[in-house]
Amino acid sequence: MDASVLIFLSSGLFLGWALGANDAANVFGTAVGTRMVKFSTAAIICSIFVIIGAVWSGAGAASTLGKLGAVNALPGAFMAAFSAALSVYLMTKAGLPVSTSQAIVGGIIGWNLFSGTLTDFTTLTKIISTWVLCPLLAAIFGAAIFIVTVKAMRFAKVHLIRVDAYTRLGLLIAGAFGSYSLGANNIANVMGVFIPASPFDAISIGGFFTLSSMQQLFLIGAIAIAVGVFTYSKRVMMTVGNDLLPLSPVGAWVAVISHSIVLFLFASEGLKYALESSGLPSIPLVPVSSSQAVVGAVLGIALVQGGQGFRWEVFGSISMGWMATPVIACAICFVGLFFLQNVFNQQVFRDVPYFLSNDALDRLAKAGVSQSALGPIRGERYDNAVALDQALMKIGKYSARDREKIMDFSRRTPILIDKKFFAKLNRGLVSPERLEAVHQLNGRFYPHEWMLKDDLAKRSRSWRKKQNERYNQILKQDLQFIIKLFRAK
């Protein structure tokens, strides 16, 4: 592997370390702050379960972050992650439990602004809505679980010594669950920006299981999180555990379990697909803030106790940190990209031109988009998505949904199916039936991604979508693997 790749990945490791230093406090902060669990014990459990959650279940939230902005060059991914890490580090130095989710969103938007990439406002709105929904849900869970737990304890009349033992055990179990959920949900913040430019190939370990390129990235990021937990998380744990609201041991357990449930809800692909298959509204897979979740849970507990003892000034300073973090990360990323490109001569983004060719126009007609108003831009070439979007806005005849289709079908991402990459293709996770369809395309050239997708779907039903979200998600991952492998230089 090129040494420069490791240098660029270092910012993701820095962000992972910052997340471990800051967000581990949300899992074990109340337990350590109330002296119910030793810091060393908390750090070991947290590290183990963060790694398991990241590698096993980290893919769901990562896909949503990728829709916000697909950072397509390694130096650009480096700066997006570095700006987020630096923002979180500055807040950690101030003892504030800020959100790595908000920091990386700020970093990605900074890259979008610099590279001329259009920010997907639908995805951005979904992410921002979770910034409100996450602490609200945690507060509701915290209040409800606290009331039920207190009543159950009064009813059971458990001896005080046993209560103490049960609470310690409960904190350890809840902390392990919370660590798993933290890894599953927040690894997207650490390594999500590197996925489109990942330097790794899938590897088989002893023939028993295979680690995909993405899982290898997540494993490295999770180890960095574990290092952050051990080296720098104690101070923020004490802030969460003591400064916001002096919690009883039972209150500490309720805060941790409430926070863990919320993170799990926003990270579980299995739960999302189970709800959708039952016809129920699903929960978006979004990397939410564990800081907001635990603060929300503590607030819920405080409210059912009448709000006494809750330090609103601490809550206010934490909230200011939440609002400032994405803005700081965005500004650092934009300025950093300028220096990286103009001082260090690095390619921080790959050009993605847009061209409304006859093929694109035919495909738009099949998709039901009228061509009557496209005359002024027919045959025109645009350097980036922002330039084409401004031209479409000037025409003023197309809805946001139609503009999105025009963008998709006019984006030029040349793909050449070259058999010299077949060996690497065969080592991937693509099924034999799908591989056979790709092999049939040897030597073919596609100016647009959608042309390859249509050809594959035409040749094999294994490349067609079904009424199954889980199946379609794997199909999308396989397509992205093929596109990345055969992208023409």
Protein backbone atom coordinates (compact mmCIF):
# COMPACT_ATOMS: atom_id res chain seq x y z
CA MET A 1 0.00 0.00 0.00
CA ASP A 2 1.21 3.49 -0.87
CA ALA A 3 2.52 5.34 2.23
CA SER A 4 0.47 8.39 1.22
CA VAL A 5 -2.71 6.35 1.71
CA LEU A 6 -1.80 5.77 5.35
CA ILE A 7 -1.04 9.49 5.77
CA PHE A 8 -4.48 10.44 4.40
CA LEU A 9 -6.23 7.82 6.54
CA SER A 10 -4.55 9.31 9.61
CA SER A 11 -7.21 12.03 9.85
CA GLY A 12 -9.89 9.33 10.12
CA LEU A 13 -7.86 7.76 12.90
CA PHE A 14 -7.62 11.17 14.57
CA LEU A 15 -11.40 11.54 14.33
CA GLY A 16 -11.83 8.01 15.71
CA TRP A 17 -9.58 8.89 18.61
CA ALA A 18 -11.54 12.11 19.22
CA LEU A 19 -14.83 10.18 19.15
CA GLY A 20 -13.49 7.67 21.66
CA ALA A 21 -12.20 10.50 23.86
CA ASN A 22 -15.50 12.38 23.74
CA ASP A 23 -18.40 10.01 23.08
CA ALA A 24 -17.34 7.11 25.29
CA ALA A 25 -18.36 9.44 28.09
CA ASN A 26 -21.94 9.10 26.89
CA VAL A 27 -21.87 5.35 27.39
CA PHE A 28 -20.04 5.04 30.69
CA GLY A 29 -19.89 8.66 31.89
CA THR A 30 -22.77 8.34 34.31
CA ALA A 31 -21.48 5.00 35.61
CA VAL A 32 -17.92 6.26 36.14
CA GLY A 33 -19.10 9.65 37.39
CA THR A 34 -21.23 7.99 40.10
CA ARG A 35 -18.28 5.70 41.08
CA MET A 36 -20.30 2.59 40.27
CA VAL A 37 -17.86 1.35 37.62
CA LYS A 38 -14.08 1.81 37.53
CA PHE A 39 -12.73 3.79 34.58
CA SER A 40 -10.40 0.95 33.51
CA THR A 41 -13.27 -1.58 33.48
CA ALA A 42 -15.46 0.82 31.49
CA ALA A 43 -12.67 1.47 28.97
CA ILE A 44 -12.05 -2.25 28.30
CA ILE A 45 -15.74 -3.12 27.82
CA CYS A 46 -16.35 -0.03 25.72
CA SER A 47 -13.41 -0.78 23.41
CA ILE A 48 -14.39 -4.41 22.77
CA PHE A 49 -18.04 -3.72 21.98
CA VAL A 50 -17.35 -0.58 19.92
CA ILE A 51 -15.19 -2.70 17.58
CA ILE A 52 -17.84 -5.45 17.31
CA GLY A 53 -20.62 -2.94 16.59
CA ALA A 54 -18.58 -1.02 14.00
CA VAL A 55 -17.47 -4.04 11.96
CA TRP A 56 -20.72 -6.01 12.28
CA SER A 57 -23.41 -3.32 11.93
CA GLY A 58 -21.77 -0.10 10.77
CA ALA A 59 -22.93 -0.14 7.13
CA GLY A 60 -26.48 1.20 7.56
CA ALA A 61 -25.75 4.68 8.87
CA ALA A 62 -22.73 5.00 6.57
CA SER A 63 -24.91 4.78 3.45
CA THR A 64 -27.01 7.78 4.57
CA LEU A 65 -23.91 9.89 5.20
CA GLY A 66 -22.65 8.98 1.71
CA LYS A 67 -25.78 10.50 0.16
CA LEU A 68 -24.96 13.86 1.73
CA GLY A 69 -21.71 14.05 -0.20
CA ALA A 70 -19.62 11.34 -1.84
CA VAL A 71 -16.09 12.59 -1.21
CA ASN A 72 -14.32 11.09 -4.23
CA ALA A 73 -10.63 11.81 -3.59
CA LEU A 74 -8.54 10.58 -0.68
CA PRO A 75 -6.95 14.00 0.12
CA GLY A 76 -10.47 15.50 0.22
CA ALA A 77 -11.65 12.75 2.59
CA PHE A 78 -8.58 13.41 4.71
CA MET A 79 -9.48 17.09 5.14
CA ALA A 80 -13.20 16.41 5.81
CA ALA A 81 -12.30 13.96 8.57
CA PHE A 82 -9.48 16.17 9.90
CA SER A 83 -11.73 19.22 10.19
CA ALA A 84 -14.32 17.18 12.09
CA ALA A 85 -11.67 15.69 14.37
CA LEU A 86 -10.10 19.07 15.10
CA SER A 87 -13.52 20.55 15.95
CA VAL A 88 -14.32 17.69 18.32
CA TYR A 89 -10.84 17.92 19.87
CA LEU A 90 -11.26 21.64 20.59
CA MET A 91 -14.62 20.98 22.24
CA THR A 92 -13.19 18.05 24.18
CA LYS A 93 -10.44 20.33 25.50
CA ALA A 94 -13.25 22.56 26.79
CA GLY A 95 -14.81 19.54 28.52
CA LEU A 96 -17.94 19.66 26.35
CA PRO A 97 -19.56 16.44 25.08
CA VAL A 98 -20.13 17.54 21.47
CA SER A 99 -21.33 15.56 18.49
CA THR A 100 -18.98 13.89 16.00
CA SER A 101 -22.07 13.41 13.80
CA GLN A 102 -22.53 17.16 13.51
CA ALA A 103 -18.80 17.69 13.05
CA ILE A 104 -18.51 15.31 10.09
CA VAL A 105 -21.66 16.74 8.50
CA GLY A 106 -20.00 20.18 8.71
CA GLY A 107 -16.83 18.73 7.15
CA ILE A 108 -18.72 17.11 4.26
CA ILE A 109 -20.65 20.31 3.51
CA GLY A 110 -17.34 22.19 3.51
CA TRP A 111 -16.05 19.72 0.89
CA ASN A 112 -19.28 20.06 -1.14
CA LEU A 113 -18.92 23.86 -1.18
CA PHE A 114 -15.27 23.71 -2.24
CA SER A 115 -15.71 21.03 -4.94
CA GLY A 116 -18.93 22.39 -6.45
CA THR A 117 -20.87 19.30 -5.39
CA LEU A 118 -24.56 19.78 -4.77
CA THR A 119 -25.57 19.11 -1.17
CA ASP A 120 -28.53 16.71 -1.04
CA PHE A 121 -30.96 18.80 1.01
CA THR A 122 -33.36 15.89 1.42
CA THR A 123 -30.65 13.89 3.17
CA LEU A 124 -29.43 16.98 5.06
CA THR A 125 -32.97 17.66 6.29
CA LYS A 126 -33.29 14.04 7.40
CA ILE A 127 -30.01 14.25 9.32
CA ILE A 128 -30.83 17.61 10.94
CA SER A 129 -34.28 16.34 11.97
CA THR A 130 -32.56 13.57 13.92
CA TRP A 131 -30.58 16.22 15.81
CA VAL A 132 -33.92 17.21 17.32
CA LEU A 133 -35.53 13.77 17.35
CA CYS A 134 -32.58 12.02 18.98
CA PRO A 135 -32.45 13.97 22.30
CA LEU A 136 -36.26 14.13 22.35
CA LEU A 137 -36.60 10.35 22.04
CA ALA A 138 -33.86 9.85 24.63
CA ALA A 139 -35.66 12.20 27.05
CA ILE A 140 -38.92 10.26 26.57
CA PHE A 141 -37.17 6.90 27.06
CA GLY A 142 -35.25 8.26 30.05
CA ALA A 143 -38.38 9.59 31.77
CA ALA A 144 -40.47 6.45 31.08
CA ILE A 145 -37.79 3.92 32.07
CA PHE A 146 -36.92 5.91 35.22
CA ILE A 147 -40.56 5.96 36.39
CA VAL A 148 -41.04 2.22 35.70
CA THR A 149 -37.73 1.29 37.36
CA VAL A 150 -38.37 3.29 40.52
CA LYS A 151 -41.89 1.83 40.90
CA ALA A 152 -40.61 -1.70 40.27
CA MET A 153 -37.92 -1.29 42.93
CA ARG A 154 -40.42 0.04 45.48
CA PHE A 155 -42.76 -2.86 44.72
CA ALA A 156 -40.03 -5.51 44.93
CA LYS A 157 -38.54 -4.02 48.13
CA VAL A 158 -35.07 -5.25 47.25
CA HIS A 159 -32.41 -4.92 49.97
CA LEU A 160 -30.14 -1.92 49.51
CA ILE A 161 -27.00 -4.06 49.13
CA ARG A 162 -28.64 -6.14 46.40
CA VAL A 163 -29.84 -2.98 44.70
CA ASP A 164 -26.24 -1.79 44.56
CA ALA A 165 -25.02 -5.10 43.08
CA TYR A 166 -27.85 -5.26 40.53
CA THR A 167 -27.21 -1.65 39.51
CA ARG A 168 -23.50 -2.27 38.92
CA LEU A 169 -24.30 -5.31 36.79
CA GLY A 170 -27.00 -3.37 34.94
CA LEU A 171 -24.57 -0.53 34.22
CA LEU A 172 -22.01 -2.94 32.77
CA ILE A 173 -24.61 -4.65 30.54
CA ALA A 174 -26.13 -1.33 29.47
CA GLY A 175 -22.62 0.03 28.82
CA ALA A 176 -21.76 -2.96 26.63
CA PHE A 177 -25.01 -2.49 24.68
CA GLY A 178 -24.36 1.25 24.42
CA SER A 179 -20.80 0.65 23.19
CA TYR A 180 -22.05 -1.75 20.52
CA SER A 181 -24.67 0.81 19.43
CA LEU A 182 -22.05 3.59 19.45
CA GLY A 183 -19.78 1.58 17.18
CA ALA A 184 -22.63 0.60 14.84
CA ASN A 185 -24.02 4.12 14.57
CA ASN A 186 -21.01 6.41 14.81
CA ILE A 187 -18.34 4.53 12.83
CA ALA A 188 -19.90 6.20 9.77
CA ASN A 189 -18.70 9.52 11.19
CA VAL A 190 -15.16 8.24 11.48
CA MET A 191 -14.65 6.32 8.23
CA GLY A 192 -17.75 7.10 6.13
CA VAL A 193 -16.01 9.77 4.01
CA PHE A 194 -13.27 7.30 3.03
CA ILE A 195 -15.63 4.63 1.63
CA PRO A 196 -15.85 5.99 -1.97
CA ALA A 197 -12.04 6.27 -2.09
CA SER A 198 -11.20 3.19 0.01
CA PRO A 199 -7.78 1.70 -0.88
CA PHE A 200 -8.64 -1.79 0.45
CA ASP A 201 -9.81 -4.93 -1.36
CA ALA A 202 -12.01 -7.58 0.24
CA ILE A 203 -9.97 -10.23 2.10
CA SER A 204 -10.91 -13.74 3.23
CA ILE A 205 -9.76 -14.79 6.70
CA GLY A 206 -9.00 -18.49 6.84
CA GLY A 207 -11.83 -19.19 4.41
CA PHE A 208 -14.36 -18.76 7.25
CA PHE A 209 -15.48 -15.20 6.66
CA THR A 210 -14.69 -12.26 4.45
CA LEU A 211 -13.96 -8.68 5.45
CA SER A 212 -15.16 -6.22 2.81
CA SER A 213 -13.26 -3.05 1.98
CA MET A 214 -15.70 -1.07 4.10
CA GLN A 215 -15.42 -3.43 7.09
CA GLN A 216 -11.63 -3.11 7.02
CA LEU A 217 -11.98 0.66 7.18
CA PHE A 218 -14.43 0.30 10.07
CA LEU A 219 -12.11 -2.05 11.95
CA ILE A 220 -9.23 0.44 11.75
CA GLY A 221 -11.54 3.29 12.80
CA ALA A 222 -12.94 1.27 15.73
CA ILE A 223 -9.43 0.55 17.02
CA ALA A 224 -8.74 4.30 16.92
CA ILE A 225 -11.93 4.87 18.93
CA ALA A 226 -10.69 2.35 21.52
CA VAL A 227 -7.39 4.23 21.83
CA GLY A 228 -9.35 7.47 22.39
CA VAL A 229 -11.38 5.80 25.15
CA PHE A 230 -8.28 4.73 27.05
CA THR A 231 -6.23 7.89 26.63
CA TYR A 232 -8.53 10.90 26.95
CA SER A 233 -12.15 10.12 27.80
CA LYS A 234 -12.07 10.35 31.57
CA ARG A 235 -12.51 14.14 31.82
CA VAL A 236 -15.62 14.24 29.65
CA MET A 237 -17.02 11.22 31.52
CA MET A 238 -16.84 13.25 34.71
CA THR A 239 -18.63 16.20 33.00
CA VAL A 240 -21.51 13.97 31.90
CA GLY A 241 -21.57 11.99 35.13
CA ASN A 242 -21.37 14.83 37.62
CA ASP A 243 -21.69 18.34 36.19
CA LEU A 244 -24.98 18.14 34.29
CA LEU A 245 -27.08 16.53 37.01
CA PRO A 246 -25.91 14.60 40.09
CA LEU A 247 -27.37 11.17 39.28
CA SER A 248 -28.22 8.29 41.56
CA PRO A 249 -26.82 4.89 40.49
CA VAL A 250 -30.28 3.90 39.20
CA GLY A 251 -30.54 7.20 37.31
CA ALA A 252 -27.13 6.50 35.79
CA TRP A 253 -28.33 3.11 34.54
CA VAL A 254 -31.49 4.64 33.07
CA ALA A 255 -29.47 7.31 31.24
CA VAL A 256 -27.14 4.73 29.70
CA ILE A 257 -29.86 2.28 28.62
CA SER A 258 -32.03 5.09 27.17
CA HIS A 259 -29.09 6.48 25.20
CA SER A 260 -28.20 2.98 23.97
CA ILE A 261 -31.74 2.22 22.77
CA VAL A 262 -31.87 5.44 20.75
CA LEU A 263 -28.51 4.80 19.06
CA PHE A 264 -29.56 1.23 18.30
CA LEU A 265 -32.84 2.40 16.73
CA PHE A 266 -30.96 4.66 14.30
CA ALA A 267 -28.37 2.01 13.39
CA SER A 268 -30.22 -1.30 13.11
CA GLU A 269 -30.76 -2.41 9.51
CA GLY A 270 -32.59 -5.52 10.74
CA LEU A 271 -35.13 -3.45 12.69
CA LYS A 272 -35.63 -1.04 9.77
CA TYR A 273 -36.31 -3.84 7.29
CA ALA A 274 -38.55 -5.71 9.77
CA LEU A 275 -40.70 -2.57 10.23
CA GLU A 276 -40.90 -1.94 6.49
CA SER A 277 -41.80 -5.56 5.68
CA SER A 278 -44.64 -5.28 8.25
CA GLY A 279 -45.96 -2.12 6.60
CA LEU A 280 -44.94 0.04 9.55
CA PRO A 281 -43.09 3.39 9.35
CA SER A 282 -39.36 2.77 9.58
CA ILE A 283 -36.62 4.68 11.38
CA PRO A 284 -33.96 6.33 9.19
CA LEU A 285 -30.48 4.87 9.42
CA VAL A 286 -28.60 8.01 10.35
CA PRO A 287 -25.44 8.55 12.43
CA VAL A 288 -26.99 10.41 15.36
CA SER A 289 -25.22 12.12 18.21
CA SER A 290 -24.57 9.97 21.25
CA SER A 291 -23.87 13.19 23.16
CA GLN A 292 -27.35 14.50 22.42
CA ALA A 293 -28.86 11.12 23.31
CA VAL A 294 -27.31 10.94 26.76
CA VAL A 295 -27.97 14.61 27.54
CA GLY A 296 -31.59 14.10 26.43
CA ALA A 297 -31.89 11.04 28.70
CA VAL A 298 -30.49 12.96 31.67
CA LEU A 299 -32.91 15.81 30.93
CA GLY A 300 -35.84 13.35 30.87
CA ILE A 301 -34.83 11.96 34.27
CA ALA A 302 -34.49 15.49 35.65
CA LEU A 303 -37.94 16.52 34.43
CA VAL A 304 -39.74 13.60 36.11
CA GLN A 305 -37.97 14.62 39.31
CA GLY A 306 -39.32 18.15 38.99
CA GLY A 307 -36.25 19.60 37.28
CA GLN A 308 -34.48 20.19 40.59
CA GLY A 309 -30.72 19.88 40.52
CA PHE A 310 -30.53 20.06 36.74
CA ARG A 311 -27.85 22.58 35.84
CA TRP A 312 -29.39 24.54 33.00
CA GLU A 313 -26.27 26.68 32.55
CA VAL A 314 -24.22 23.53 31.80
CA PHE A 315 -26.98 22.35 29.43
CA GLY A 316 -26.88 25.75 27.73
CA SER A 317 -23.11 25.65 27.18
CA ILE A 318 -23.37 22.09 25.82
CA SER A 319 -26.13 23.19 23.42
CA MET A 320 -23.97 26.09 22.20
CA GLY A 321 -21.24 23.56 21.51
CA TRP A 322 -23.67 21.48 19.42
CA MET A 323 -24.56 24.48 17.26
CA ALA A 324 -20.99 25.72 16.86
CA THR A 325 -19.42 22.37 16.00
CA PRO A 326 -20.73 21.88 12.39
CA VAL A 327 -20.06 25.53 11.52
CA ILE A 328 -16.47 25.31 12.80
CA ALA A 329 -15.88 22.00 11.00
CA CYS A 330 -17.28 23.39 7.73
CA ALA A 331 -15.04 26.47 7.86
CA ILE A 332 -11.90 24.48 8.77
CA CYS A 333 -12.57 22.01 5.95
CA PHE A 334 -13.06 24.71 3.30
CA VAL A 335 -9.90 26.61 4.27
CA GLY A 336 -7.92 23.38 4.69
CA LEU A 337 -8.92 22.15 1.22
CA PHE A 338 -7.71 25.43 -0.28
CA PHE A 339 -4.27 24.98 1.28
CA LEU A 340 -4.13 21.26 0.44
CA GLN A 341 -4.90 21.99 -3.21
CA ASN A 342 -2.90 25.18 -3.78
CA VAL A 343 0.03 24.83 -1.38
CA PHE A 344 0.56 21.05 -1.30
CA ASN A 345 -0.67 20.47 -4.88
CA GLN A 346 -3.08 17.66 -3.93
CA GLN A 347 -6.18 16.67 -5.90
CA VAL A 348 -8.86 17.14 -3.25
CA PHE A 349 -11.75 16.22 -5.53
CA ARG A 350 -12.22 14.41 -8.82
CA ASP A 351 -14.04 16.36 -11.54
CA VAL A 352 -17.53 15.03 -12.27
CA PRO A 353 -18.80 16.82 -15.39
CA TYR A 354 -22.42 16.84 -16.56
CA PHE A 355 -23.47 16.57 -20.19
CA LEU A 356 -27.02 16.41 -21.54
CA SER A 357 -26.32 13.97 -24.38
CA ASN A 358 -28.91 12.35 -26.67
CA ASP A 359 -28.58 9.13 -24.61
CA ALA A 360 -29.35 11.09 -21.45
CA LEU A 361 -32.34 12.79 -23.10
CA ASP A 362 -33.76 9.42 -24.24
CA ARG A 363 -33.37 8.04 -20.73
CA LEU A 364 -35.07 11.10 -19.25
CA ALA A 365 -38.02 10.61 -21.59
CA LYS A 366 -38.38 7.00 -20.35
CA ALA A 367 -38.29 8.32 -16.79
CA GLY A 368 -41.19 10.66 -17.58
CA VAL A 369 -39.27 13.96 -17.57
CA SER A 370 -40.40 16.43 -20.22
CA GLN A 371 -37.66 17.67 -22.60
CA SER A 372 -39.60 20.68 -23.90
CA ALA A 373 -37.75 23.24 -21.74
CA LEU A 374 -34.27 21.70 -21.96
CA GLY A 375 -33.36 23.38 -25.26
CA PRO A 376 -31.01 26.04 -23.78
CA ILE A 377 -28.82 23.42 -22.09
CA ARG A 378 -29.07 20.57 -24.64
CA GLY A 379 -25.54 19.47 -25.59
CA GLU A 380 -23.96 21.83 -23.02
CA ARG A 381 -21.18 20.60 -20.74
CA TYR A 382 -21.08 21.65 -17.08
CA ASP A 383 -18.06 21.30 -14.84
CA ASN A 384 -19.97 20.33 -11.73
CA ALA A 385 -23.43 19.72 -10.25
CA VAL A 386 -23.81 23.25 -8.90
CA ALA A 387 -23.34 24.76 -12.40
CA LEU A 388 -25.98 22.48 -13.95
CA ASP A 389 -28.38 23.05 -11.06
CA GLN A 390 -28.08 26.82 -11.48
CA ALA A 391 -28.86 26.43 -15.22
CA LEU A 392 -31.94 24.34 -14.42
CA MET A 393 -33.06 26.83 -11.77
CA LYS A 394 -32.74 29.59 -14.38
CA ILE A 395 -35.06 27.64 -16.71
CA GLY A 396 -37.47 27.36 -13.80
CA LYS A 397 -39.69 24.66 -15.30
CA TYR A 398 -38.61 21.63 -13.33
CA SER A 399 -39.45 20.38 -9.86
CA ALA A 400 -36.75 19.32 -7.40
CA ARG A 401 -37.50 15.67 -8.18
CA ASP A 402 -37.13 16.22 -11.96
CA ARG A 403 -33.92 18.21 -11.47
CA GLU A 404 -32.55 15.30 -9.47
CA LYS A 405 -33.32 12.92 -12.36
CA ILE A 406 -31.72 15.28 -14.90
CA MET A 407 -28.62 15.37 -12.68
CA ASP A 408 -28.48 11.58 -12.39
CA PHE A 409 -28.83 10.87 -16.10
CA SER A 410 -26.47 13.61 -17.33
CA ARG A 411 -23.63 12.89 -14.87
CA ARG A 412 -20.60 11.56 -16.77
CA THR A 413 -18.70 8.84 -14.94
CA PRO A 414 -17.05 6.80 -17.73
CA ILE A 415 -16.76 3.05 -17.08
CA LEU A 416 -14.73 0.55 -19.11
CA ILE A 417 -15.22 -3.16 -18.42
CA ASP A 418 -11.63 -4.39 -18.73
CA LYS A 419 -10.87 -8.06 -18.13
CA LYS A 420 -7.56 -7.20 -16.46
CA PHE A 421 -9.66 -6.37 -13.36
CA PHE A 422 -11.62 -9.64 -13.43
CA ALA A 423 -9.28 -11.34 -10.93
CA LYS A 424 -9.99 -8.59 -8.39
CA LEU A 425 -13.69 -8.71 -9.30
CA ASN A 426 -13.84 -12.46 -8.60
CA ARG A 427 -12.28 -11.97 -5.15
CA GLY A 428 -15.11 -9.65 -4.11
CA LEU A 429 -18.44 -10.50 -2.49
CA VAL A 430 -20.53 -10.51 -5.70
CA SER A 431 -22.62 -13.64 -6.30
CA PRO A 432 -21.65 -16.05 -9.18
CA GLU A 433 -24.81 -15.18 -11.16
CA ARG A 434 -24.02 -11.44 -11.03
CA LEU A 435 -20.36 -12.08 -11.85
CA GLU A 436 -21.34 -13.99 -14.99
CA ALA A 437 -23.35 -11.00 -16.22
CA VAL A 438 -20.39 -8.65 -15.66
CA HIS A 439 -18.00 -11.00 -17.51
CA GLN A 440 -20.31 -10.82 -20.56
CA LEU A 441 -19.63 -7.07 -20.76
CA ASN A 442 -15.88 -7.42 -21.38
CA GLY A 443 -14.61 -4.53 -23.50
CA ARG A 444 -17.77 -2.42 -23.30
CA PHE A 445 -17.62 1.31 -22.51
CA TYR A 446 -20.33 3.28 -20.71
CA PRO A 447 -20.22 7.11 -20.48
CA HIS A 448 -22.82 7.13 -17.68
CA GLU A 449 -23.34 4.89 -14.62
CA TRP A 450 -27.01 4.39 -15.43
CA MET A 451 -26.08 2.83 -18.80
CA LEU A 452 -24.12 0.08 -17.04
CA LYS A 453 -26.93 -0.48 -14.53
CA ASP A 454 -29.52 -0.76 -17.30
CA ASP A 455 -27.36 -3.18 -19.31
CA LEU A 456 -26.74 -5.43 -16.30
CA ALA A 457 -30.44 -5.46 -15.41
CA LYS A 458 -31.27 -6.32 -19.04
CA ARG A 459 -28.84 -9.27 -19.09
CA SER A 460 -29.57 -10.82 -15.70
CA ARG A 461 -32.52 -10.69 -13.33
CA SER A 462 -30.04 -10.93 -10.46
CA TRP A 463 -29.19 -7.27 -11.19
CA ARG A 464 -32.83 -6.10 -10.99
CA LYS A 465 -34.47 -4.52 -7.94
CA LYS A 466 -37.09 -6.38 -5.90
CA GLN A 467 -39.71 -5.40 -3.34
CA ASN A 468 -37.17 -6.07 -0.63
CA GLU A 469 -35.17 -3.23 0.92
CA ARG A 470 -32.44 -5.49 2.28
CA TYR A 471 -31.96 -7.14 -1.12
CA ASN A 472 -31.86 -3.75 -2.85
CA GLN A 473 -29.28 -2.45 -0.38
CA ILE A 474 -26.93 -5.35 -1.20
CA LEU A 475 -27.60 -4.81 -4.92
CA LYS A 476 -26.60 -1.18 -4.53
CA GLN A 477 -23.39 -2.13 -2.72
CA ASP A 478 -22.48 -4.59 -5.49
CA LEU A 479 -23.11 -1.95 -8.15
CA GLN A 480 -20.92 0.56 -6.35
CA PHE A 481 -18.16 -2.05 -6.14
CA ILE A 482 -18.39 -2.71 -9.92
CA ILE A 483 -18.46 1.02 -10.77
CA LYS A 484 -15.47 1.80 -8.57
CA LEU A 485 -13.47 -1.15 -9.94
CA PHE A 486 -14.04 -0.39 -13.64
CA ARG A 487 -14.13 3.42 -13.53
CA ALA A 488 -12.18 4.71 -16.54
CA LYS A 489 -9.19 6.94 -15.71
